[in-house]
Structures are given as structure tokens and as C-alpha cells.
Amino acid sequence: MDTAGLEAELHAFAAARDWHRFHTPKNLAMALSVEVAELVEIFQWQTEAQANAIMQSDEARHVEQELADIAMYLVRLSTVLGVDLNRAVTDKLVMNAQKYPAPEA
């Protein structure tokens, strides 16, 4: 996963609107949480069958938009915190592989 281009684009987007002063770790974490909740709301009260078929429904575009919002806030938060998200994900995958070996899972 290479987020460098997206990081730069989000930084420029925020700079053009003078939003950096609002993009604090607390605010970005809260905004990320809200976007995740908006995704969850789409699935709320759906049966498993309805949830599994969501991308063939009228809600497909809405799901895509919420996922995009989540990804953008996550990348922006990692940038503001100085976290190399690519490295963090790679490191976490290695940890998960050690914690949950495939033959034993």
C-alpha cells in the first residue's frame, strides 16, 4: 500500500482551505470515528444476506463514499501524527502472521 500520493493530495487540499489548524489528532480521530459510524449505519438492521448484497443495491455508491471518507481521514491522521502508514500496516501484518499462523488458524 503506497499512500504517499494521497498524503500529498490531502495535505494540499487542506492547505488550500486553511484547514491545517483544524486537523489536529483529536479532531481527525473524531472525524474518522464519525465516518466509520456512517458506514456502520448503512448496514444497521440489514440481514446477513442484505449486507452481503449491498454492492448490488442502491446503497453501493454510498458505501464507496463512506469508505473513501474513512481512508482519507485515516491517511490524514497518520500524516499529522507522523506515522508511516505503509510501514505500520506491513509491521502489523507480520505481527498478525506470527500471532495467527495459517496452519493453526
Protein backbone atom coordinates (compact mmCIF):
# COMPACT_ATOMS: atom_id res chain seq x y z
CA MET A 1 0.00 0.00 0.00
CA ASP A 2 1.55 3.29 -1.06
CA THR A 3 -0.18 6.32 0.42
CA ALA A 4 2.44 8.96 -0.50
CA GLY A 5 0.45 10.45 -3.37
CA LEU A 6 -2.75 10.56 -1.35
CA GLU A 7 -0.93 12.09 1.62
CA ALA A 8 0.39 14.90 -0.61
CA GLU A 9 -3.00 15.47 -2.23
CA LEU A 10 -4.80 15.63 1.13
CA HIS A 11 -2.14 17.98 2.51
CA ALA A 12 -2.58 20.32 -0.47
CA PHE A 13 -6.38 20.13 -0.20
CA ALA A 14 -6.26 21.10 3.49
CA ALA A 15 -3.67 23.84 2.88
CA ALA A 16 -5.75 25.44 0.13
CA ARG A 17 -8.63 25.77 2.59
CA ASP A 18 -6.53 26.71 5.64
CA TRP A 19 -7.77 23.57 7.40
CA HIS A 20 -4.45 22.57 8.96
CA ARG A 21 -5.40 24.41 12.14
CA PHE A 22 -8.41 22.09 12.47
CA HIS A 23 -6.54 18.92 11.53
CA THR A 24 -5.36 18.03 15.00
CA PRO A 25 -5.02 14.39 16.02
CA LYS A 26 -8.10 14.67 18.25
CA ASN A 27 -10.27 16.25 15.57
CA LEU A 28 -9.14 13.84 12.87
CA ALA A 29 -9.65 10.80 15.12
CA MET A 30 -13.14 12.02 15.95
CA ALA A 31 -13.94 12.68 12.28
CA LEU A 32 -12.67 9.21 11.40
CA SER A 33 -14.94 7.71 14.03
CA VAL A 34 -17.93 9.60 12.63
CA GLU A 35 -17.23 8.34 9.11
CA VAL A 36 -16.94 4.75 10.36
CA ALA A 37 -20.27 5.21 12.14
CA GLU A 38 -21.81 6.45 8.87
CA LEU A 39 -20.62 3.25 7.16
CA VAL A 40 -22.00 1.14 10.00
CA GLU A 41 -25.32 2.95 9.70
CA ILE A 42 -25.70 1.69 6.12
CA PHE A 43 -25.54 -1.88 7.40
CA GLN A 44 -27.63 -1.32 10.51
CA TRP A 45 -30.68 -3.59 10.60
CA GLN A 46 -29.65 -5.41 7.42
CA THR A 47 -29.86 -9.17 7.35
CA GLU A 48 -26.64 -11.04 6.53
CA ALA A 49 -27.98 -11.65 3.02
CA GLN A 50 -28.79 -7.96 2.52
CA ALA A 51 -25.39 -6.92 3.86
CA ASN A 52 -23.62 -9.39 1.58
CA ALA A 53 -25.51 -7.99 -1.43
CA ILE A 54 -25.05 -4.32 -0.52
CA MET A 55 -22.82 -3.59 -3.50
CA GLN A 56 -25.59 -4.74 -5.83
CA SER A 57 -28.08 -2.38 -4.18
CA ASP A 58 -28.91 1.31 -4.39
CA GLU A 59 -26.53 1.83 -1.43
CA ALA A 60 -23.39 0.79 -3.34
CA ARG A 61 -22.28 4.33 -4.16
CA HIS A 62 -22.96 5.41 -0.58
CA VAL A 63 -20.73 2.58 0.72
CA GLU A 64 -17.96 3.67 -1.67
CA GLN A 65 -18.21 7.28 -0.50
CA GLU A 66 -18.04 6.34 3.18
CA LEU A 67 -15.06 4.04 2.58
CA ALA A 68 -13.33 6.90 0.74
CA ASP A 69 -14.01 9.27 3.64
CA ILE A 70 -12.62 6.70 6.09
CA ALA A 71 -9.49 6.16 4.00
CA MET A 72 -8.87 9.89 3.62
CA TYR A 73 -9.27 10.63 7.33
CA LEU A 74 -7.07 7.65 8.22
CA VAL A 75 -4.30 8.76 5.88
CA ARG A 76 -4.59 12.38 7.01
CA LEU A 77 -4.45 11.34 10.68
CA SER A 78 -1.38 9.18 10.10
CA THR A 79 0.33 12.08 8.32
CA VAL A 80 -0.45 14.55 11.11
CA LEU A 81 0.83 12.05 13.70
CA GLY A 82 3.97 11.35 11.67
CA VAL A 83 3.11 7.68 11.30
CA ASP A 84 4.38 5.90 8.20
CA LEU A 85 1.13 4.09 7.47
CA ASN A 86 2.75 1.83 4.88
CA ARG A 87 5.34 0.63 7.41
CA ALA A 88 2.76 0.35 10.20
CA VAL A 89 0.49 -1.86 8.08
CA THR A 90 3.39 -4.03 6.94
CA ASP A 91 4.65 -4.42 10.52
CA LYS A 92 1.15 -5.28 11.75
CA LEU A 93 0.71 -7.92 9.04
CA VAL A 94 3.96 -9.55 10.18
CA MET A 95 2.79 -9.48 13.80
CA ASN A 96 -0.58 -10.97 12.85
CA ALA A 97 1.10 -13.75 10.85
CA GLN A 98 3.17 -14.66 13.90
CA LYS A 99 0.22 -14.43 16.26
CA TYR A 100 -2.15 -16.38 13.98
CA PRO A 101 -0.07 -18.88 11.95
CA ALA A 102 -2.04 -20.15 8.96
CA PRO A 103 -1.73 -23.86 9.81
CA GLU A 104 -3.20 -23.22 13.27
CA ALA A 105 -5.86 -20.71 12.33
